Amino acid sequence: MSLFEENAAILQKMASDGKDLTSPRSVDFCHVFPDKMSADSFAQAANAEGFSVVVDEIERETNPWDVTASKRMTPSCKVITDIEESLDRLAQSHKGRADGWGFFDA
């Protein structure tokens, strides 16, 4: 299954669960990193591209640094997939990787 198909299925499930996908909302793109320096450098780069970022240290054995890059948008499969792929390339250039997306508002 492609990333686009996977995201389409996730959005379809959210819609069937009653989420309003027609209104703008903050979409959170999560990334994991092996060290604080990598996480911080990715966070600065994502912030420069217009994302709000939060860096957190999480207790786990590998990639203990989480960076959530958020942007307000009307969620669509194409936009989410394009951003997820772009941020994953950026994260990889800073020794990290994408770790999913979601939104937590109504």
N, C-alpha and C. Protein backbone atom coordinates (compact mmCIF):
# COMPACT_ATOMS: atom_id res chain seq x y z
N MET A 1 0.85 -1.18 0.00
CA MET A 1 0.00 0.00 0.00
C MET A 1 0.90 1.24 0.00
N SER A 2 0.58 2.18 -0.86
CA SER A 2 1.36 3.42 -0.92
C SER A 2 1.02 4.32 0.26
N LEU A 3 1.89 5.29 0.50
CA LEU A 3 1.62 6.26 1.57
C LEU A 3 0.33 7.00 1.29
N PHE A 4 0.10 7.37 0.03
CA PHE A 4 -1.13 8.07 -0.35
C PHE A 4 -2.36 7.21 -0.01
N GLU A 5 -2.31 5.92 -0.37
CA GLU A 5 -3.44 5.02 -0.08
C GLU A 5 -3.64 4.85 1.43
N GLU A 6 -2.53 4.76 2.15
CA GLU A 6 -2.60 4.63 3.61
C GLU A 6 -3.25 5.88 4.22
N ASN A 7 -2.82 7.05 3.77
CA ASN A 7 -3.40 8.29 4.29
C ASN A 7 -4.86 8.44 3.90
N ALA A 8 -5.22 8.01 2.69
CA ALA A 8 -6.62 8.06 2.26
C ALA A 8 -7.48 7.19 3.18
N ALA A 9 -6.98 6.02 3.53
CA ALA A 9 -7.73 5.12 4.42
C ALA A 9 -7.89 5.73 5.81
N ILE A 10 -6.82 6.36 6.31
CA ILE A 10 -6.88 7.00 7.63
C ILE A 10 -7.91 8.13 7.62
N LEU A 11 -7.87 8.97 6.60
CA LEU A 11 -8.82 10.08 6.51
C LEU A 11 -10.25 9.58 6.35
N GLN A 12 -10.44 8.52 5.57
CA GLN A 12 -11.78 7.95 5.39
C GLN A 12 -12.32 7.44 6.72
N LYS A 13 -11.44 6.77 7.52
CA LYS A 13 -11.86 6.28 8.84
C LYS A 13 -12.21 7.45 9.76
N MET A 14 -11.40 8.52 9.72
CA MET A 14 -11.70 9.69 10.55
C MET A 14 -13.05 10.29 10.17
N ALA A 15 -13.31 10.39 8.87
CA ALA A 15 -14.60 10.94 8.42
C ALA A 15 -15.74 10.05 8.87
N SER A 16 -15.57 8.73 8.76
CA SER A 16 -16.65 7.82 9.18
C SER A 16 -16.85 7.84 10.69
N ASP A 17 -15.80 8.24 11.43
CA ASP A 17 -15.91 8.39 12.89
C ASP A 17 -16.51 9.74 13.28
N GLY A 18 -16.86 10.55 12.29
CA GLY A 18 -17.52 11.82 12.57
C GLY A 18 -16.62 13.04 12.62
N LYS A 19 -15.35 12.89 12.26
CA LYS A 19 -14.45 14.07 12.23
C LYS A 19 -14.82 14.95 11.04
N ASP A 20 -14.85 16.25 11.28
CA ASP A 20 -15.11 17.22 10.21
C ASP A 20 -13.79 17.49 9.49
N LEU A 21 -13.66 17.02 8.27
CA LEU A 21 -12.43 17.20 7.51
C LEU A 21 -12.53 18.35 6.51
N THR A 22 -13.60 19.14 6.62
CA THR A 22 -13.79 20.26 5.68
C THR A 22 -13.30 21.58 6.25
N SER A 23 -12.98 21.62 7.53
CA SER A 23 -12.54 22.85 8.18
C SER A 23 -11.04 22.80 8.46
N PRO A 24 -10.38 23.96 8.40
CA PRO A 24 -8.96 23.99 8.73
C PRO A 24 -8.73 23.57 10.19
N ARG A 25 -7.63 22.89 10.41
CA ARG A 25 -7.25 22.44 11.74
C ARG A 25 -5.74 22.28 11.77
N SER A 26 -5.18 22.18 12.95
CA SER A 26 -3.74 21.95 13.08
C SER A 26 -3.47 20.47 12.88
N VAL A 27 -2.63 20.16 11.89
CA VAL A 27 -2.23 18.77 11.64
C VAL A 27 -0.80 18.61 12.15
N ASP A 28 -0.59 17.58 12.97
CA ASP A 28 0.69 17.34 13.61
C ASP A 28 1.43 16.21 12.89
N PHE A 29 2.66 16.52 12.45
CA PHE A 29 3.51 15.55 11.78
C PHE A 29 4.64 15.20 12.75
N CYS A 30 4.71 13.92 13.13
CA CYS A 30 5.63 13.48 14.17
C CYS A 30 6.90 12.88 13.56
N HIS A 31 8.03 13.14 14.22
CA HIS A 31 9.33 12.66 13.76
C HIS A 31 10.15 12.24 14.96
N VAL A 32 11.05 11.27 14.76
CA VAL A 32 11.90 10.79 15.84
C VAL A 32 13.37 10.94 15.45
N PHE A 33 14.21 11.20 16.47
CA PHE A 33 15.63 11.48 16.27
C PHE A 33 16.46 10.79 17.34
N PRO A 34 17.73 10.48 17.00
CA PRO A 34 18.58 9.78 17.96
C PRO A 34 19.19 10.68 19.03
N ASP A 35 19.24 12.00 18.77
CA ASP A 35 19.88 12.88 19.74
C ASP A 35 19.29 14.29 19.66
N LYS A 36 19.54 15.06 20.71
CA LYS A 36 18.97 16.41 20.82
C LYS A 36 19.47 17.32 19.70
N MET A 37 20.73 17.22 19.32
CA MET A 37 21.27 18.09 18.28
C MET A 37 20.53 17.87 16.94
N SER A 38 20.29 16.62 16.59
CA SER A 38 19.56 16.31 15.35
C SER A 38 18.12 16.82 15.42
N ALA A 39 17.49 16.58 16.57
CA ALA A 39 16.10 17.03 16.75
C ALA A 39 16.00 18.54 16.65
N ASP A 40 16.92 19.25 17.31
CA ASP A 40 16.89 20.71 17.29
C ASP A 40 17.17 21.26 15.89
N SER A 41 18.09 20.66 15.15
CA SER A 41 18.40 21.17 13.82
C SER A 41 17.22 20.95 12.87
N PHE A 42 16.55 19.79 12.99
CA PHE A 42 15.33 19.56 12.20
C PHE A 42 14.25 20.57 12.59
N ALA A 43 14.07 20.78 13.89
CA ALA A 43 13.04 21.71 14.37
C ALA A 43 13.26 23.10 13.81
N GLN A 44 14.51 23.55 13.79
CA GLN A 44 14.80 24.88 13.23
C GLN A 44 14.46 24.94 11.75
N ALA A 45 14.81 23.88 11.01
CA ALA A 45 14.54 23.85 9.57
C ALA A 45 13.03 23.81 9.30
N ALA A 46 12.29 23.02 10.07
CA ALA A 46 10.84 22.94 9.89
C ALA A 46 10.18 24.26 10.26
N ASN A 47 10.66 24.89 11.32
CA ASN A 47 10.13 26.19 11.72
C ASN A 47 10.36 27.23 10.62
N ALA A 48 11.51 27.17 9.98
CA ALA A 48 11.82 28.11 8.89
C ALA A 48 10.89 27.89 7.69
N GLU A 49 10.32 26.68 7.58
CA GLU A 49 9.37 26.39 6.50
C GLU A 49 7.92 26.68 6.92
N GLY A 50 7.73 27.30 8.08
CA GLY A 50 6.40 27.73 8.49
C GLY A 50 5.66 26.79 9.42
N PHE A 51 6.33 25.79 9.95
CA PHE A 51 5.69 24.86 10.88
C PHE A 51 5.91 25.33 12.31
N SER A 52 4.92 25.09 13.16
CA SER A 52 5.11 25.24 14.61
C SER A 52 5.75 23.94 15.07
N VAL A 53 6.74 24.03 15.93
CA VAL A 53 7.45 22.81 16.33
C VAL A 53 7.53 22.67 17.84
N VAL A 54 7.50 21.42 18.29
CA VAL A 54 7.69 21.09 19.71
C VAL A 54 8.70 19.95 19.75
N VAL A 55 9.72 20.10 20.59
CA VAL A 55 10.75 19.07 20.77
C VAL A 55 10.59 18.48 22.16
N ASP A 56 10.49 17.15 22.24
CA ASP A 56 10.33 16.46 23.53
C ASP A 56 11.28 15.28 23.61
N GLU A 57 11.79 15.03 24.81
CA GLU A 57 12.56 13.81 25.04
C GLU A 57 11.62 12.77 25.62
N ILE A 58 11.63 11.58 25.03
CA ILE A 58 10.73 10.49 25.43
C ILE A 58 11.58 9.33 25.94
N GLU A 59 11.12 8.67 26.99
CA GLU A 59 11.87 7.53 27.51
C GLU A 59 11.63 6.31 26.63
N ARG A 60 12.60 6.01 25.75
CA ARG A 60 12.60 4.79 24.96
C ARG A 60 14.03 4.55 24.51
N GLU A 61 14.32 3.31 24.14
CA GLU A 61 15.71 2.92 23.86
C GLU A 61 16.29 3.57 22.62
N THR A 62 15.53 3.63 21.54
CA THR A 62 16.06 4.21 20.31
C THR A 62 15.27 5.46 19.95
N ASN A 63 15.94 6.38 19.31
CA ASN A 63 15.32 7.64 18.87
C ASN A 63 14.47 8.29 19.96
N PRO A 64 15.12 8.69 21.07
CA PRO A 64 14.37 9.22 22.21
C PRO A 64 13.90 10.66 22.05
N TRP A 65 14.20 11.31 20.92
CA TRP A 65 13.78 12.69 20.73
C TRP A 65 12.65 12.77 19.72
N ASP A 66 11.54 13.35 20.12
CA ASP A 66 10.38 13.56 19.25
C ASP A 66 10.32 15.02 18.85
N VAL A 67 10.03 15.26 17.58
CA VAL A 67 9.74 16.62 17.11
C VAL A 67 8.41 16.56 16.39
N THR A 68 7.46 17.35 16.86
CA THR A 68 6.16 17.47 16.21
C THR A 68 6.16 18.79 15.45
N ALA A 69 5.95 18.69 14.14
CA ALA A 69 5.86 19.87 13.28
C ALA A 69 4.40 20.01 12.88
N SER A 70 3.78 21.13 13.24
CA SER A 70 2.34 21.32 13.03
C SER A 70 2.08 22.48 12.09
N LYS A 71 1.02 22.31 11.29
CA LYS A 71 0.60 23.37 10.39
C LYS A 71 -0.92 23.35 10.29
N ARG A 72 -1.52 24.54 10.28
CA ARG A 72 -2.97 24.66 10.16
C ARG A 72 -3.34 24.52 8.69
N MET A 73 -4.27 23.60 8.40
CA MET A 73 -4.69 23.33 7.02
C MET A 73 -6.02 22.61 7.01
N THR A 74 -6.64 22.59 5.84
CA THR A 74 -7.79 21.73 5.63
C THR A 74 -7.22 20.38 5.20
N PRO A 75 -7.44 19.33 6.02
CA PRO A 75 -6.79 18.05 5.72
C PRO A 75 -7.31 17.41 4.43
N SER A 76 -6.38 17.09 3.55
CA SER A 76 -6.72 16.31 2.36
C SER A 76 -5.59 15.30 2.16
N CYS A 77 -5.89 14.22 1.51
CA CYS A 77 -4.91 13.16 1.33
C CYS A 77 -3.68 13.67 0.59
N LYS A 78 -3.88 14.43 -0.48
CA LYS A 78 -2.74 14.91 -1.27
C LYS A 78 -1.86 15.84 -0.46
N VAL A 79 -2.46 16.83 0.22
CA VAL A 79 -1.68 17.79 0.99
C VAL A 79 -0.93 17.09 2.12
N ILE A 80 -1.60 16.23 2.86
CA ILE A 80 -0.96 15.53 3.98
C ILE A 80 0.17 14.65 3.48
N THR A 81 -0.06 13.90 2.39
CA THR A 81 0.97 13.02 1.86
C THR A 81 2.17 13.83 1.36
N ASP A 82 1.92 14.92 0.64
CA ASP A 82 3.02 15.76 0.15
C ASP A 82 3.86 16.31 1.30
N ILE A 83 3.20 16.81 2.34
CA ILE A 83 3.92 17.37 3.49
C ILE A 83 4.65 16.27 4.24
N GLU A 84 3.99 15.12 4.44
CA GLU A 84 4.63 14.02 5.16
C GLU A 84 5.90 13.56 4.43
N GLU A 85 5.84 13.45 3.11
CA GLU A 85 7.02 13.03 2.34
C GLU A 85 8.12 14.09 2.40
N SER A 86 7.75 15.35 2.28
CA SER A 86 8.73 16.44 2.33
C SER A 86 9.41 16.52 3.70
N LEU A 87 8.62 16.44 4.77
CA LEU A 87 9.20 16.49 6.11
C LEU A 87 10.04 15.25 6.41
N ASP A 88 9.65 14.09 5.87
CA ASP A 88 10.45 12.89 6.08
C ASP A 88 11.82 13.04 5.43
N ARG A 89 11.87 13.61 4.21
CA ARG A 89 13.16 13.85 3.56
C ARG A 89 14.00 14.81 4.41
N LEU A 90 13.36 15.86 4.93
CA LEU A 90 14.06 16.82 5.78
C LEU A 90 14.56 16.14 7.06
N ALA A 91 13.70 15.31 7.68
CA ALA A 91 14.10 14.61 8.91
C ALA A 91 15.28 13.67 8.63
N GLN A 92 15.24 12.97 7.51
CA GLN A 92 16.34 12.05 7.18
C GLN A 92 17.66 12.80 7.01
N SER A 93 17.60 14.02 6.51
CA SER A 93 18.82 14.81 6.34
C SER A 93 19.37 15.26 7.70
N HIS A 94 18.59 15.07 8.77
CA HIS A 94 19.02 15.40 10.13
C HIS A 94 19.07 14.15 11.01
N LYS A 95 19.27 12.97 10.39
CA LYS A 95 19.40 11.68 11.09
C LYS A 95 18.12 11.19 11.75
N GLY A 96 16.96 11.68 11.30
CA GLY A 96 15.69 11.24 11.88
C GLY A 96 14.79 10.60 10.84
N ARG A 97 13.53 10.43 11.20
CA ARG A 97 12.55 9.88 10.27
C ARG A 97 11.15 10.27 10.71
N ALA A 98 10.24 10.23 9.75
CA ALA A 98 8.82 10.49 10.04
C ALA A 98 8.27 9.36 10.92
N ASP A 99 7.30 9.72 11.76
CA ASP A 99 6.70 8.74 12.66
C ASP A 99 5.18 8.92 12.73
N GLY A 100 4.58 9.32 11.58
CA GLY A 100 3.13 9.43 11.51
C GLY A 100 2.63 10.85 11.67
N TRP A 101 1.32 11.00 11.56
CA TRP A 101 0.69 12.30 11.68
C TRP A 101 -0.68 12.10 12.31
N GLY A 102 -1.29 13.21 12.67
CA GLY A 102 -2.64 13.18 13.22
C GLY A 102 -3.07 14.56 13.62
N PHE A 103 -4.26 14.65 14.15
CA PHE A 103 -4.71 15.89 14.75
C PHE A 103 -5.56 15.57 15.95
N PHE A 104 -5.49 16.46 16.92
CA PHE A 104 -6.08 16.13 18.20
C PHE A 104 -7.18 17.09 18.62
N ASP A 105 -7.47 18.08 17.73
CA ASP A 105 -8.60 18.94 18.05
C ASP A 105 -9.88 18.29 17.54
N ALA A 106 -11.00 18.94 17.76
CA ALA A 106 -12.31 18.35 17.44
C ALA A 106 -12.47 17.98 16.00
